[in-house]
Amino acid sequence: MSRIESILQQVSVDGLIAETYEIHEMLLEVDQLLIILQQDLKMAPLAKGIRLQLQSIQEKYNRFKVTE
């Protein structure tokens, strides 16, 4: 998660499309892993907490995309 946030903070005009694509791919991968994690009852609470963090990052990502 911190890697995604770090990329969002350090994005420059050069390579913007590649970095944006990388972030989008990471968000999709984390989302897919959370779906798998939620299927394990012992891991569901952890997955819920991570999902809240992911939603926060997705909101930042969406705001960034709107301003670019």
C-alpha atoms as a PDB file:
ATOM      1  CA  MET A   1       0.000   0.000   0.000  1.00  0.00           C
ATOM      2  CA  SER A   2       2.770   2.445   0.849  1.00  0.00           C
ATOM      3  CA  ARG A   3       4.348   1.800  -2.563  1.00  0.00           C
ATOM      4  CA  ILE A   4       1.142   2.914  -4.278  1.00  0.00           C
ATOM      5  CA  GLU A   5       0.908   6.022  -2.118  1.00  0.00           C
ATOM      6  CA  SER A   6       4.576   6.773  -2.788  1.00  0.00           C
ATOM      7  CA  ILE A   7       4.045   6.571  -6.535  1.00  0.00           C
ATOM      8  CA  LEU A   8       1.029   8.862  -6.289  1.00  0.00           C
ATOM      9  CA  GLN A   9       3.100  11.461  -4.439  1.00  0.00           C
ATOM     10  CA  GLN A  10       6.087  11.288  -6.791  1.00  0.00           C
ATOM     11  CA  VAL A  11       4.340  11.242 -10.144  1.00  0.00           C
ATOM     12  CA  SER A  12       5.873  13.683 -12.608  1.00  0.00           C
ATOM     13  CA  VAL A  13       4.788  14.711 -16.072  1.00  0.00           C
ATOM     14  CA  ASP A  14       7.408  12.439 -17.660  1.00  0.00           C
ATOM     15  CA  GLY A  15       6.173   8.886 -17.659  1.00  0.00           C
ATOM     16  CA  LEU A  16       2.777   9.889 -16.313  1.00  0.00           C
ATOM     17  CA  ILE A  17       0.880   7.404 -18.441  1.00  0.00           C
ATOM     18  CA  ALA A  18       3.166   4.497 -17.503  1.00  0.00           C
ATOM     19  CA  GLU A  19       2.994   5.329 -13.797  1.00  0.00           C
ATOM     20  CA  THR A  20      -0.780   5.751 -13.924  1.00  0.00           C
ATOM     21  CA  TYR A  21      -1.086   2.372 -15.636  1.00  0.00           C
ATOM     22  CA  GLU A  22       1.191   0.787 -13.018  1.00  0.00           C
ATOM     23  CA  ILE A  23      -0.960   2.176 -10.202  1.00  0.00           C
ATOM     24  CA  HIS A  24      -4.138   0.978 -11.911  1.00  0.00           C
ATOM     25  CA  GLU A  25      -2.678  -2.521 -12.279  1.00  0.00           C
ATOM     26  CA  MET A  26      -1.604  -2.583  -8.612  1.00  0.00           C
ATOM     27  CA  LEU A  27      -5.057  -1.534  -7.470  1.00  0.00           C
ATOM     28  CA  LEU A  28      -6.636  -4.307  -9.533  1.00  0.00           C
ATOM     29  CA  GLU A  29      -4.193  -6.898  -8.183  1.00  0.00           C
ATOM     30  CA  VAL A  30      -4.785  -5.876  -4.566  1.00  0.00           C
ATOM     31  CA  ASP A  31      -8.539  -5.958  -5.144  1.00  0.00           C
ATOM     32  CA  GLN A  32      -8.330  -9.489  -6.582  1.00  0.00           C
ATOM     33  CA  LEU A  33      -6.187 -10.666  -3.667  1.00  0.00           C
ATOM     34  CA  LEU A  34      -8.660  -9.187  -1.193  1.00  0.00           C
ATOM     35  CA  ILE A  35     -11.499 -11.107  -2.819  1.00  0.00           C
ATOM     36  CA  ILE A  36      -9.535 -14.320  -2.258  1.00  0.00           C
ATOM     37  CA  LEU A  37      -8.591 -13.308   1.294  1.00  0.00           C
ATOM     38  CA  GLN A  38     -12.210 -12.555   2.209  1.00  0.00           C
ATOM     39  CA  GLN A  39     -13.186 -16.136   1.425  1.00  0.00           C
ATOM     40  CA  ASP A  40     -11.159 -17.333   4.420  1.00  0.00           C
ATOM     41  CA  LEU A  41     -13.253 -16.608   7.515  1.00  0.00           C
ATOM     42  CA  LYS A  42     -10.156 -16.149   9.672  1.00  0.00           C
ATOM     43  CA  MET A  43      -8.760 -13.563   7.270  1.00  0.00           C
ATOM     44  CA  ALA A  44     -12.006 -11.700   6.544  1.00  0.00           C
ATOM     45  CA  PRO A  45     -11.483  -9.041   9.269  1.00  0.00           C
ATOM     46  CA  LEU A  46      -7.978  -8.335   7.968  1.00  0.00           C
ATOM     47  CA  ALA A  47      -9.289  -8.136   4.415  1.00  0.00           C
ATOM     48  CA  LYS A  48     -11.956  -5.674   5.516  1.00  0.00           C
ATOM     49  CA  GLY A  49      -9.342  -3.373   7.043  1.00  0.00           C
ATOM     50  CA  ILE A  50      -7.152  -3.561   3.970  1.00  0.00           C
ATOM     51  CA  ARG A  51     -10.168  -2.908   1.748  1.00  0.00           C
ATOM     52  CA  LEU A  52     -10.801   0.355   3.627  1.00  0.00           C
ATOM     53  CA  GLN A  53      -7.192   1.390   2.979  1.00  0.00           C
ATOM     54  CA  LEU A  54      -7.554   0.403  -0.656  1.00  0.00           C
ATOM     55  CA  GLN A  55     -10.699   2.507  -1.016  1.00  0.00           C
ATOM     56  CA  SER A  56      -8.834   5.511   0.368  1.00  0.00           C
ATOM     57  CA  ILE A  57      -6.019   4.999  -2.119  1.00  0.00           C
ATOM     58  CA  GLN A  58      -8.505   4.524  -4.972  1.00  0.00           C
ATOM     59  CA  GLU A  59     -10.156   7.835  -4.068  1.00  0.00           C
ATOM     60  CA  LYS A  60      -6.753   9.579  -4.197  1.00  0.00           C
ATOM     61  CA  TYR A  61      -6.032   7.880  -7.512  1.00  0.00           C
ATOM     62  CA  ASN A  62      -9.372   8.975  -8.958  1.00  0.00           C
ATOM     63  CA  ARG A  63      -8.841  12.574  -7.796  1.00  0.00           C
ATOM     64  CA  PHE A  64      -5.393  12.525  -9.378  1.00  0.00           C
ATOM     65  CA  LYS A  65      -6.753  11.206 -12.675  1.00  0.00           C
ATOM     66  CA  VAL A  66      -9.353  13.989 -12.769  1.00  0.00           C
ATOM     67  CA  THR A  67      -6.729  16.703 -12.276  1.00  0.00           C
ATOM     68  CA  GLU A  68      -4.226  15.406 -14.841  1.00  0.00           C
END
